[in-house]
Amino acid sequence: MTDRRLSGWLGRSGAWGLMAIAHRSGAPTQSIGVLGAVLLVLLLGACSTPAPYTARSEKPSTTTANIAASSTMSTRNDVALYAMSLLDTRYAWGGRGPAMGFDCSGLVAHVYKEAAGIPLRGTSADLGKRSRPVDTAQLQPGDLVFFNTLGARHSHVGVYVGGGRFVHASNERTGVRMDHLSNRYYAKRFEGGQTLLE
């Protein structure tokens, strides 16, 4: 019997037909052993079923604290990412929007309003009074970083975005940019971090 006829017969009659053909045609015992092993694998594969699904009666613990922490981290990341999306926007003294441009406090107010839904008004000094101090080692994305750039406390502010970097509306020449807290100019004038977020 040819291989084509054998495979056709196997398709119609299944494993028992193949055994009968091998036995009737006088096939060597080794061929029957190989065919038998193949058939056994095919039969076991066809008969097996996946284990039944068992529902877990335990639900993961979700506490109010966990949900609040997750929400706060999400808001912090939103603030940081939104601040970075405004890089290269022009600087404008008193500016509070992307079309007009930003000064440092206008940038912070716009970012917080759009990314966190927190309306802010006032100067960088006003933001310093409204926010609470954070240990510099504990700065998180979305926190505010304050500098004394004009000989007055909290005369400049930026949004901390992580990794020692912050986004701020620097000046008319550079506009909104990202700098590192270790930048020589800002490191000498750094007053600390503060937050408006939980």
N, C-alpha and C. Protein backbone atom coordinates (compact mmCIF):
# COMPACT_ATOMS: atom_id res chain seq x y z
N MET A 1 0.86 -1.16 0.00
CA MET A 1 0.00 0.00 0.00
C MET A 1 0.91 1.23 0.00
N THR A 2 0.60 2.24 -0.80
CA THR A 2 1.45 3.43 -0.90
C THR A 2 1.21 4.33 0.29
N ASP A 3 2.15 5.26 0.49
CA ASP A 3 2.03 6.21 1.62
C ASP A 3 0.79 7.07 1.48
N ARG A 4 0.45 7.48 0.21
CA ARG A 4 -0.71 8.33 0.02
C ARG A 4 -1.98 7.57 0.39
N ARG A 5 -2.06 6.32 -0.05
CA ARG A 5 -3.24 5.53 0.29
C ARG A 5 -3.32 5.29 1.78
N LEU A 6 -2.14 5.08 2.40
CA LEU A 6 -2.08 4.83 3.83
C LEU A 6 -2.57 6.06 4.60
N SER A 7 -2.10 7.25 4.22
CA SER A 7 -2.53 8.45 4.93
C SER A 7 -4.01 8.73 4.68
N GLY A 8 -4.52 8.44 3.48
CA GLY A 8 -5.94 8.61 3.20
C GLY A 8 -6.77 7.67 4.04
N TRP A 9 -6.32 6.45 4.13
CA TRP A 9 -7.03 5.45 4.91
C TRP A 9 -7.00 5.81 6.38
N LEU A 10 -5.86 6.34 6.84
CA LEU A 10 -5.72 6.74 8.24
C LEU A 10 -6.70 7.88 8.55
N GLY A 11 -6.82 8.81 7.61
CA GLY A 11 -7.73 9.92 7.82
C GLY A 11 -9.16 9.46 7.95
N ARG A 12 -9.56 8.44 7.18
CA ARG A 12 -10.95 7.98 7.22
C ARG A 12 -11.21 7.01 8.36
N SER A 13 -10.28 6.14 8.64
CA SER A 13 -10.56 5.06 9.58
C SER A 13 -9.89 5.21 10.92
N GLY A 14 -8.95 6.11 11.05
CA GLY A 14 -8.31 6.34 12.34
C GLY A 14 -7.23 5.34 12.64
N ALA A 15 -6.88 5.25 13.90
CA ALA A 15 -5.74 4.45 14.35
C ALA A 15 -5.94 2.96 14.13
N TRP A 16 -7.14 2.44 14.33
CA TRP A 16 -7.35 1.00 14.18
C TRP A 16 -7.14 0.58 12.74
N GLY A 17 -7.52 1.40 11.82
CA GLY A 17 -7.31 1.08 10.42
C GLY A 17 -5.83 1.00 10.09
N LEU A 18 -5.02 1.89 10.66
CA LEU A 18 -3.58 1.90 10.40
C LEU A 18 -2.96 0.62 10.95
N MET A 19 -3.37 0.20 12.11
CA MET A 19 -2.83 -1.02 12.69
C MET A 19 -3.17 -2.22 11.81
N ALA A 20 -4.42 -2.23 11.31
CA ALA A 20 -4.84 -3.35 10.47
C ALA A 20 -4.03 -3.37 9.18
N ILE A 21 -3.78 -2.21 8.59
CA ILE A 21 -3.01 -2.15 7.34
C ILE A 21 -1.60 -2.63 7.60
N ALA A 22 -0.98 -2.16 8.68
CA ALA A 22 0.39 -2.55 8.96
C ALA A 22 0.47 -4.06 9.19
N HIS A 23 -0.48 -4.62 9.86
CA HIS A 23 -0.46 -6.04 10.16
C HIS A 23 -0.74 -6.86 8.89
N ARG A 24 -1.72 -6.42 8.08
CA ARG A 24 -2.11 -7.14 6.88
C ARG A 24 -1.02 -7.09 5.82
N SER A 25 -0.31 -5.97 5.71
CA SER A 25 0.67 -5.84 4.64
C SER A 25 1.99 -6.49 4.99
N GLY A 26 2.10 -7.02 6.18
CA GLY A 26 3.33 -7.69 6.57
C GLY A 26 4.44 -6.71 6.85
N ALA A 27 4.11 -5.54 7.34
CA ALA A 27 5.12 -4.54 7.65
C ALA A 27 6.02 -5.06 8.76
N PRO A 28 7.27 -4.71 8.72
CA PRO A 28 8.19 -5.17 9.77
C PRO A 28 7.73 -4.69 11.15
N THR A 29 8.12 -5.43 12.16
CA THR A 29 7.71 -5.15 13.53
C THR A 29 8.17 -3.77 13.96
N GLN A 30 9.34 -3.34 13.51
CA GLN A 30 9.87 -2.02 13.89
C GLN A 30 8.93 -0.91 13.41
N SER A 31 8.40 -1.04 12.18
CA SER A 31 7.47 -0.04 11.66
C SER A 31 6.20 0.01 12.49
N ILE A 32 5.73 -1.16 12.90
CA ILE A 32 4.52 -1.21 13.71
C ILE A 32 4.79 -0.54 15.05
N GLY A 33 5.99 -0.74 15.62
CA GLY A 33 6.34 -0.11 16.90
C GLY A 33 6.36 1.40 16.79
N VAL A 34 6.92 1.92 15.71
CA VAL A 34 6.98 3.37 15.50
C VAL A 34 5.57 3.91 15.30
N LEU A 35 4.81 3.20 14.44
CA LEU A 35 3.44 3.63 14.19
C LEU A 35 2.62 3.58 15.48
N GLY A 36 2.83 2.56 16.26
CA GLY A 36 2.11 2.43 17.52
C GLY A 36 2.43 3.59 18.47
N ALA A 37 3.70 3.97 18.53
CA ALA A 37 4.10 5.08 19.40
C ALA A 37 3.47 6.38 18.93
N VAL A 38 3.48 6.60 17.61
CA VAL A 38 2.87 7.81 17.06
C VAL A 38 1.38 7.83 17.37
N LEU A 39 0.73 6.67 17.17
CA LEU A 39 -0.69 6.59 17.44
C LEU A 39 -1.01 6.83 18.91
N LEU A 40 -0.19 6.28 19.77
CA LEU A 40 -0.41 6.46 21.19
C LEU A 40 -0.33 7.94 21.56
N VAL A 41 0.66 8.65 21.02
CA VAL A 41 0.80 10.08 21.29
C VAL A 41 -0.41 10.84 20.76
N LEU A 42 -0.83 10.52 19.54
CA LEU A 42 -1.99 11.20 18.96
C LEU A 42 -3.26 10.94 19.76
N LEU A 43 -3.45 9.69 20.16
CA LEU A 43 -4.64 9.37 20.93
C LEU A 43 -4.66 10.06 22.29
N LEU A 44 -3.53 10.04 22.96
CA LEU A 44 -3.47 10.69 24.27
C LEU A 44 -3.66 12.19 24.14
N GLY A 45 -3.11 12.79 23.11
CA GLY A 45 -3.27 14.23 22.88
C GLY A 45 -4.71 14.58 22.59
N ALA A 46 -5.39 13.73 21.81
CA ALA A 46 -6.78 14.01 21.45
C ALA A 46 -7.72 13.82 22.63
N CYS A 47 -7.38 12.92 23.52
CA CYS A 47 -8.26 12.63 24.64
C CYS A 47 -8.04 13.54 25.83
N SER A 48 -6.92 14.22 25.84
CA SER A 48 -6.65 15.04 27.03
C SER A 48 -7.46 16.33 26.98
N THR A 49 -7.82 16.80 28.14
CA THR A 49 -8.54 18.07 28.26
C THR A 49 -7.81 18.91 29.29
N PRO A 50 -7.88 20.22 29.14
CA PRO A 50 -7.21 21.07 30.12
C PRO A 50 -7.89 20.93 31.49
N ALA A 51 -7.14 21.21 32.51
CA ALA A 51 -7.69 21.14 33.86
C ALA A 51 -8.83 22.14 33.99
N PRO A 52 -9.87 21.75 34.70
CA PRO A 52 -11.01 22.67 34.84
C PRO A 52 -10.60 23.93 35.59
N TYR A 53 -11.22 25.03 35.23
CA TYR A 53 -10.95 26.32 35.87
C TYR A 53 -11.58 26.32 37.26
N THR A 54 -10.79 26.70 38.22
CA THR A 54 -11.33 26.84 39.57
C THR A 54 -11.18 28.29 39.98
N ALA A 55 -12.28 28.90 40.32
CA ALA A 55 -12.26 30.30 40.73
C ALA A 55 -11.64 30.42 42.10
N ARG A 56 -10.84 31.46 42.27
CA ARG A 56 -10.24 31.71 43.58
C ARG A 56 -11.23 32.49 44.42
N SER A 57 -11.44 32.02 45.59
CA SER A 57 -12.39 32.70 46.46
C SER A 57 -11.76 33.91 47.13
N GLU A 58 -10.43 33.96 47.16
CA GLU A 58 -9.76 35.08 47.79
C GLU A 58 -9.64 36.23 46.81
N LYS A 59 -9.99 37.41 47.24
CA LYS A 59 -9.82 38.59 46.41
C LYS A 59 -8.60 39.34 46.91
N PRO A 60 -7.82 39.95 45.99
CA PRO A 60 -6.66 40.69 46.45
C PRO A 60 -7.10 41.84 47.36
N SER A 61 -6.29 42.08 48.34
CA SER A 61 -6.60 43.13 49.30
C SER A 61 -6.37 44.50 48.68
N THR A 62 -7.39 45.33 48.68
CA THR A 62 -7.25 46.70 48.21
C THR A 62 -7.71 47.61 49.33
N THR A 63 -6.77 48.24 49.93
CA THR A 63 -7.11 49.15 51.00
C THR A 63 -7.21 50.56 50.44
N THR A 64 -7.85 51.39 51.18
CA THR A 64 -7.98 52.79 50.78
C THR A 64 -6.60 53.42 50.64
N ALA A 65 -5.69 53.05 51.52
CA ALA A 65 -4.33 53.61 51.47
C ALA A 65 -3.62 53.21 50.17
N ASN A 66 -3.78 51.94 49.75
CA ASN A 66 -3.15 51.49 48.51
C ASN A 66 -3.71 52.23 47.31
N ILE A 67 -5.01 52.40 47.28
CA ILE A 67 -5.65 53.10 46.16
C ILE A 67 -5.21 54.55 46.13
N ALA A 68 -5.17 55.20 47.28
CA ALA A 68 -4.75 56.59 47.35
C ALA A 68 -3.29 56.75 46.91
N ALA A 69 -2.42 55.83 47.36
CA ALA A 69 -1.01 55.90 46.98
C ALA A 69 -0.84 55.73 45.48
N SER A 70 -1.58 54.81 44.89
CA SER A 70 -1.52 54.58 43.45
C SER A 70 -2.01 55.80 42.69
N SER A 71 -3.09 56.39 43.16
CA SER A 71 -3.65 57.57 42.52
C SER A 71 -2.69 58.75 42.61
N THR A 72 -2.08 58.93 43.78
CA THR A 72 -1.13 60.02 43.96
C THR A 72 0.08 59.85 43.05
N MET A 73 0.60 58.62 42.95
CA MET A 73 1.76 58.39 42.08
C MET A 73 1.39 58.64 40.63
N SER A 74 0.20 58.26 40.24
CA SER A 74 -0.27 58.51 38.88
C SER A 74 -0.34 60.02 38.62
N THR A 75 -0.88 60.77 39.58
CA THR A 75 -0.96 62.22 39.44
C THR A 75 0.43 62.83 39.36
N ARG A 76 1.34 62.35 40.19
CA ARG A 76 2.71 62.86 40.16
C ARG A 76 3.34 62.64 38.78
N ASN A 77 3.17 61.45 38.25
CA ASN A 77 3.72 61.15 36.93
C ASN A 77 3.07 62.01 35.85
N ASP A 78 1.76 62.22 35.97
CA ASP A 78 1.06 63.08 35.01
C ASP A 78 1.63 64.50 35.03
N VAL A 79 1.87 65.02 36.23
CA VAL A 79 2.42 66.37 36.37
C VAL A 79 3.81 66.43 35.72
N ALA A 80 4.66 65.45 36.02
CA ALA A 80 6.02 65.44 35.47
C ALA A 80 6.00 65.32 33.95
N LEU A 81 5.19 64.41 33.43
CA LEU A 81 5.14 64.22 31.97
C LEU A 81 4.56 65.44 31.26
N TYR A 82 3.55 66.05 31.86
CA TYR A 82 2.97 67.23 31.24
C TYR A 82 3.98 68.37 31.22
N ALA A 83 4.73 68.54 32.31
CA ALA A 83 5.77 69.57 32.35
C ALA A 83 6.80 69.33 31.24
N MET A 84 7.20 68.07 31.05
CA MET A 84 8.18 67.76 30.00
C MET A 84 7.61 68.00 28.60
N SER A 85 6.30 67.85 28.45
CA SER A 85 5.69 68.08 27.14
C SER A 85 5.76 69.55 26.72
N LEU A 86 6.03 70.42 27.67
CA LEU A 86 6.09 71.85 27.38
C LEU A 86 7.51 72.36 27.15
N LEU A 87 8.48 71.46 27.12
CA LEU A 87 9.86 71.86 26.84
C LEU A 87 9.92 72.65 25.54
N ASP A 88 10.76 73.66 25.52
CA ASP A 88 10.99 74.54 24.37
C ASP A 88 9.87 75.55 24.13
N THR A 89 8.87 75.62 25.03
CA THR A 89 7.87 76.69 24.92
C THR A 89 8.58 77.99 25.30
N ARG A 90 8.19 79.08 24.66
CA ARG A 90 8.92 80.33 24.91
C ARG A 90 8.63 80.90 26.30
N TYR A 91 9.55 81.73 26.74
CA TYR A 91 9.43 82.40 28.03
C TYR A 91 8.73 83.73 27.83
N ALA A 92 7.80 84.06 28.73
CA ALA A 92 7.18 85.38 28.73
C ALA A 92 6.90 85.77 30.17
N TRP A 93 7.43 86.90 30.60
CA TRP A 93 7.20 87.35 31.97
C TRP A 93 5.71 87.53 32.19
N GLY A 94 5.16 86.90 33.22
CA GLY A 94 3.74 86.95 33.51
C GLY A 94 2.92 85.98 32.66
N GLY A 95 3.59 85.21 31.79
CA GLY A 95 2.89 84.28 30.90
C GLY A 95 2.33 83.08 31.64
N ARG A 96 1.12 82.67 31.24
CA ARG A 96 0.43 81.57 31.93
C ARG A 96 -0.12 80.53 30.98
N GLY A 97 0.31 80.52 29.72
CA GLY A 97 -0.19 79.53 28.78
C GLY A 97 0.77 79.30 27.64
N PRO A 98 0.65 78.16 26.96
CA PRO A 98 1.59 77.82 25.88
C PRO A 98 1.56 78.82 24.71
N ALA A 99 0.40 79.39 24.41
CA ALA A 99 0.32 80.32 23.28
C ALA A 99 1.07 81.61 23.58
N MET A 100 0.94 82.09 24.79
CA MET A 100 1.60 83.34 25.19
C MET A 100 3.04 83.09 25.64
N GLY A 101 3.28 81.95 26.26
CA GLY A 101 4.56 81.65 26.88
C GLY A 101 4.40 81.61 28.38
N PHE A 102 5.47 81.25 29.08
CA PHE A 102 5.41 81.08 30.53
C PHE A 102 6.53 81.82 31.24
N ASP A 103 6.24 82.27 32.46
CA ASP A 103 7.31 82.54 33.40
C ASP A 103 7.30 81.32 34.34
N CYS A 104 8.19 81.31 35.34
CA CYS A 104 8.33 80.09 36.14
C CYS A 104 7.05 79.73 36.89
N SER A 105 6.41 80.69 37.54
CA SER A 105 5.20 80.36 38.30
C SER A 105 4.02 80.09 37.37
N GLY A 106 4.00 80.75 36.22
CA GLY A 106 2.94 80.49 35.24
C GLY A 106 3.01 79.07 34.69
N LEU A 107 4.24 78.59 34.47
CA LEU A 107 4.43 77.21 34.02
C LEU A 107 3.90 76.22 35.06
N VAL A 108 4.27 76.43 36.33
CA VAL A 108 3.83 75.53 37.40
C VAL A 108 2.31 75.56 37.51
N ALA A 109 1.72 76.76 37.47
CA ALA A 109 0.26 76.87 37.59
C ALA A 109 -0.44 76.16 36.44
N HIS A 110 0.08 76.32 35.23
CA HIS A 110 -0.54 75.67 34.06
C HIS A 110 -0.42 74.15 34.16
N VAL A 111 0.76 73.67 34.52
CA VAL A 111 0.99 72.22 34.62
C VAL A 111 0.07 71.61 35.69
N TYR A 112 0.00 72.21 36.84
CA TYR A 112 -0.84 71.68 37.92
C TYR A 112 -2.32 71.72 37.55
N LYS A 113 -2.75 72.78 36.88
CA LYS A 113 -4.17 72.86 36.49
C LYS A 113 -4.51 71.78 35.46
N GLU A 114 -3.66 71.62 34.44
CA GLU A 114 -3.96 70.68 33.36
C GLU A 114 -3.73 69.22 33.75
N ALA A 115 -2.66 68.94 34.50
CA ALA A 115 -2.31 67.54 34.80
C ALA A 115 -2.89 67.03 36.10
N ALA A 116 -3.14 67.91 37.07
CA ALA A 116 -3.60 67.46 38.38
C ALA A 116 -4.95 68.06 38.77
N GLY A 117 -5.44 69.00 37.96
CA GLY A 117 -6.72 69.63 38.28
C GLY A 117 -6.65 70.55 39.49
N ILE A 118 -5.45 71.04 39.80
CA ILE A 118 -5.27 71.93 40.95
C ILE A 118 -5.04 73.35 40.44
N PRO A 119 -5.99 74.25 40.70
CA PRO A 119 -5.79 75.63 40.25
C PRO A 119 -4.83 76.38 41.17
N LEU A 120 -3.86 77.05 40.58
CA LEU A 120 -2.88 77.82 41.34
C LEU A 120 -2.77 79.23 40.77
N ARG A 121 -2.50 80.19 41.62
CA ARG A 121 -2.27 81.56 41.19
C ARG A 121 -1.13 82.13 42.01
N GLY A 122 -0.54 83.16 41.51
CA GLY A 122 0.47 83.87 42.28
C GLY A 122 1.88 83.63 41.79
N THR A 123 2.81 84.24 42.50
CA THR A 123 4.23 84.18 42.16
C THR A 123 4.86 82.92 42.71
N SER A 124 6.13 82.74 42.41
CA SER A 124 6.85 81.60 42.97
C SER A 124 6.91 81.70 44.49
N ALA A 125 7.03 82.91 45.03
CA ALA A 125 7.03 83.08 46.48
C ALA A 125 5.67 82.67 47.07
N ASP A 126 4.58 82.98 46.37
CA ASP A 126 3.24 82.57 46.82
C ASP A 126 3.12 81.04 46.82
N LEU A 127 3.67 80.41 45.79
CA LEU A 127 3.64 78.94 45.71
C LEU A 127 4.45 78.33 46.86
N GLY A 128 5.55 78.99 47.21
CA GLY A 128 6.37 78.52 48.33
C GLY A 128 5.61 78.58 49.64
N LYS A 129 4.77 79.60 49.82
CA LYS A 129 3.98 79.71 51.05
C LYS A 129 2.86 78.67 51.09
N ARG A 130 2.33 78.33 49.93
CA ARG A 130 1.20 77.41 49.86
C ARG A 130 1.60 75.93 49.97
N SER A 131 2.83 75.61 49.59
CA SER A 131 3.28 74.21 49.58
C SER A 131 4.02 73.87 50.87
N ARG A 132 4.18 72.59 51.12
CA ARG A 132 4.86 72.16 52.34
C ARG A 132 6.24 71.55 51.98
N PRO A 133 7.21 71.73 52.88
CA PRO A 133 8.57 71.27 52.61
C PRO A 133 8.68 69.74 52.47
N VAL A 134 9.63 69.33 51.66
CA VAL A 134 9.94 67.92 51.45
C VAL A 134 11.45 67.77 51.56
N ASP A 135 11.90 66.73 52.23
CA ASP A 135 13.34 66.46 52.31
C ASP A 135 13.87 66.24 50.89
N THR A 136 14.96 66.86 50.57
CA THR A 136 15.53 66.77 49.21
C THR A 136 15.76 65.32 48.79
N ALA A 137 16.16 64.47 49.73
CA ALA A 137 16.39 63.05 49.42
C ALA A 137 15.09 62.33 49.09
N GLN A 138 13.95 62.92 49.48
CA GLN A 138 12.65 62.29 49.27
C GLN A 138 11.86 62.94 48.13
N LEU A 139 12.49 63.76 47.31
CA LEU A 139 11.79 64.40 46.20
C LEU A 139 11.19 63.36 45.27
N GLN A 140 9.98 63.62 44.83
CA GLN A 140 9.29 62.74 43.89
C GLN A 140 8.82 63.56 42.69
N PRO A 141 8.59 62.87 41.55
CA PRO A 141 8.06 63.59 40.40
C PRO A 141 6.81 64.38 40.77
N GLY A 142 6.72 65.59 40.28
CA GLY A 142 5.57 66.45 40.57
C GLY A 142 5.80 67.42 41.72
N ASP A 143 6.84 67.20 42.52
CA ASP A 143 7.16 68.14 43.59
C ASP A 143 7.70 69.43 42.98
N LEU A 144 7.72 70.47 43.77
CA LEU A 144 8.26 71.76 43.33
C LEU A 144 9.66 71.94 43.89
N VAL A 145 10.53 72.55 43.11
CA VAL A 145 11.87 72.88 43.58
C VAL A 145 12.03 74.40 43.49
N PHE A 146 12.56 74.98 44.57
CA PHE A 146 12.66 76.43 44.68
C PHE A 146 14.12 76.89 44.72
N PHE A 147 14.33 78.07 44.16
CA PHE A 147 15.67 78.65 44.06
C PHE A 147 15.61 80.13 44.42
N ASN A 148 16.74 80.63 44.90
CA ASN A 148 16.90 82.06 45.14
C ASN A 148 17.78 82.59 44.00
N THR A 149 17.14 83.06 42.94
CA THR A 149 17.89 83.54 41.77
C THR A 149 17.93 85.06 41.69
N LEU A 150 17.12 85.74 42.49
CA LEU A 150 17.05 87.20 42.42
C LEU A 150 17.37 87.86 43.76
N GLY A 151 18.02 87.12 44.64
CA GLY A 151 18.33 87.67 45.96
C GLY A 151 17.14 87.66 46.89
N ALA A 152 16.10 86.92 46.55
CA ALA A 152 14.91 86.83 47.39
C ALA A 152 14.49 85.37 47.51
N ARG A 153 13.98 85.00 48.68
CA ARG A 153 13.55 83.62 48.92
C ARG A 153 12.46 83.21 47.91
N HIS A 154 12.62 82.02 47.38
CA HIS A 154 11.64 81.43 46.44
C HIS A 154 11.39 82.34 45.23
N SER A 155 12.44 82.88 44.68
CA SER A 155 12.27 83.75 43.52
C SER A 155 12.21 82.98 42.20
N HIS A 156 12.43 81.69 42.24
CA HIS A 156 12.31 80.86 41.03
C HIS A 156 11.80 79.48 41.44
N VAL A 157 10.97 78.87 40.58
CA VAL A 157 10.38 77.56 40.89
C VAL A 157 10.37 76.70 39.62
N GLY A 158 10.47 75.39 39.83
CA GLY A 158 10.37 74.43 38.74
C GLY A 158 9.64 73.19 39.21
N VAL A 159 9.34 72.30 38.27
CA VAL A 159 8.66 71.04 38.57
C VAL A 159 9.69 69.92 38.53
N TYR A 160 9.85 69.22 39.64
CA TYR A 160 10.77 68.10 39.70
C TYR A 160 10.19 66.94 38.89
N VAL A 161 11.02 66.33 38.00
CA VAL A 161 10.52 65.25 37.14
C VAL A 161 11.22 63.92 37.42
N GLY A 162 12.10 63.88 38.41
CA GLY A 162 12.78 62.64 38.75
C GLY A 162 14.21 62.61 38.25
N GLY A 163 14.99 61.75 38.82
CA GLY A 163 16.38 61.58 38.38
C GLY A 163 17.22 62.83 38.59
N GLY A 164 16.85 63.66 39.57
CA GLY A 164 17.62 64.87 39.83
C GLY A 164 17.36 66.00 38.84
N ARG A 165 16.34 65.86 38.00
CA ARG A 165 16.05 66.86 36.97
C ARG A 165 14.76 67.62 37.27
N PHE A 166 14.68 68.83 36.75
CA PHE A 166 13.48 69.63 36.92
C PHE A 166 13.22 70.43 35.63
N VAL A 167 11.95 70.73 35.40
CA VAL A 167 11.53 71.53 34.24
C VAL A 167 11.12 72.89 34.76
N HIS A 168 11.56 73.93 34.07
CA HIS A 168 11.25 75.29 34.51
C HIS A 168 11.30 76.25 33.33
N ALA A 169 10.61 77.38 33.49
CA ALA A 169 10.69 78.45 32.50
C ALA A 169 11.86 79.32 32.92
N SER A 170 12.96 79.15 32.22
CA SER A 170 14.22 79.71 32.67
C SER A 170 14.36 81.21 32.39
N ASN A 171 14.36 81.57 31.12
CA ASN A 171 14.54 82.97 30.73
C ASN A 171 14.14 83.15 29.27
N GLU A 172 14.16 84.38 28.78
CA GLU A 172 13.73 84.65 27.41
C GLU A 172 14.60 83.95 26.37
N ARG A 173 15.87 83.76 26.69
CA ARG A 173 16.79 83.15 25.73
C ARG A 173 16.54 81.64 25.57
N THR A 174 16.24 80.95 26.68
CA THR A 174 16.12 79.48 26.61
C THR A 174 14.69 78.97 26.72
N GLY A 175 13.77 79.75 27.26
CA GLY A 175 12.38 79.30 27.41
C GLY A 175 12.26 78.17 28.42
N VAL A 176 11.27 77.31 28.21
CA VAL A 176 11.06 76.18 29.12
C VAL A 176 12.11 75.12 28.80
N ARG A 177 12.81 74.70 29.83
CA ARG A 177 13.90 73.73 29.63
C ARG A 177 14.00 72.80 30.82
N MET A 178 14.83 71.79 30.67
CA MET A 178 15.09 70.84 31.75
C MET A 178 16.53 71.02 32.20
N ASP A 179 16.72 71.09 33.50
CA ASP A 179 18.06 71.19 34.07
C ASP A 179 18.19 70.17 35.19
N HIS A 180 19.43 69.97 35.60
CA HIS A 180 19.72 69.05 36.69
C HIS A 180 19.97 69.86 37.96
N LEU A 181 19.52 69.33 39.08
CA LEU A 181 19.75 70.02 40.35
C LEU A 181 21.23 70.20 40.65
N SER A 182 22.06 69.36 40.05
CA SER A 182 23.50 69.48 40.27
C SER A 182 24.15 70.51 39.33
N ASN A 183 23.38 71.10 38.42
CA ASN A 183 23.88 72.18 37.57
C ASN A 183 24.48 73.24 38.49
N ARG A 184 25.69 73.68 38.19
CA ARG A 184 26.41 74.58 39.10
C ARG A 184 25.60 75.83 39.48
N TYR A 185 24.98 76.44 38.51
CA TYR A 185 24.21 77.66 38.77
C TYR A 185 23.05 77.37 39.74
N TYR A 186 22.27 76.33 39.45
CA TYR A 186 21.09 76.03 40.27
C TYR A 186 21.46 75.39 41.60
N ALA A 187 22.50 74.59 41.63
CA ALA A 187 22.92 73.96 42.89
C ALA A 187 23.30 75.02 43.93
N LYS A 188 23.93 76.10 43.49
CA LYS A 188 24.31 77.17 44.42
C LYS A 188 23.10 77.95 44.93
N ARG A 189 22.01 77.95 44.18
CA ARG A 189 20.84 78.75 44.51
C ARG A 189 19.64 77.92 45.01
N PHE A 190 19.84 76.61 45.09
CA PHE A 190 18.75 75.71 45.47
C PHE A 190 18.35 75.94 46.93
N GLU A 191 17.05 76.12 47.16
CA GLU A 191 16.52 76.32 48.51
C GLU A 191 15.81 75.09 49.06
N GLY A 192 15.41 74.18 48.20
CA GLY A 192 14.77 72.97 48.67
C GLY A 192 13.55 72.60 47.86
N GLY A 193 13.00 71.45 48.22
CA GLY A 193 11.82 70.95 47.54
C GLY A 193 10.60 71.10 48.42
N GLN A 194 9.45 71.28 47.77
CA GLN A 194 8.19 71.38 48.48
C GLN A 194 7.12 70.68 47.63
N THR A 195 5.98 70.41 48.21
CA THR A 195 4.95 69.71 47.46
C THR A 195 3.56 70.27 47.72
N LEU A 196 2.73 70.11 46.73
CA LEU A 196 1.30 70.41 46.83
C LEU A 196 0.49 69.12 46.74
N LEU A 197 1.19 68.01 46.53
CA LEU A 197 0.55 66.71 46.37
C LEU A 197 0.68 65.90 47.64
N GLU A 198 -0.12 64.85 47.76
CA GLU A 198 -0.08 64.00 48.96
C GLU A 198 1.22 63.24 49.03
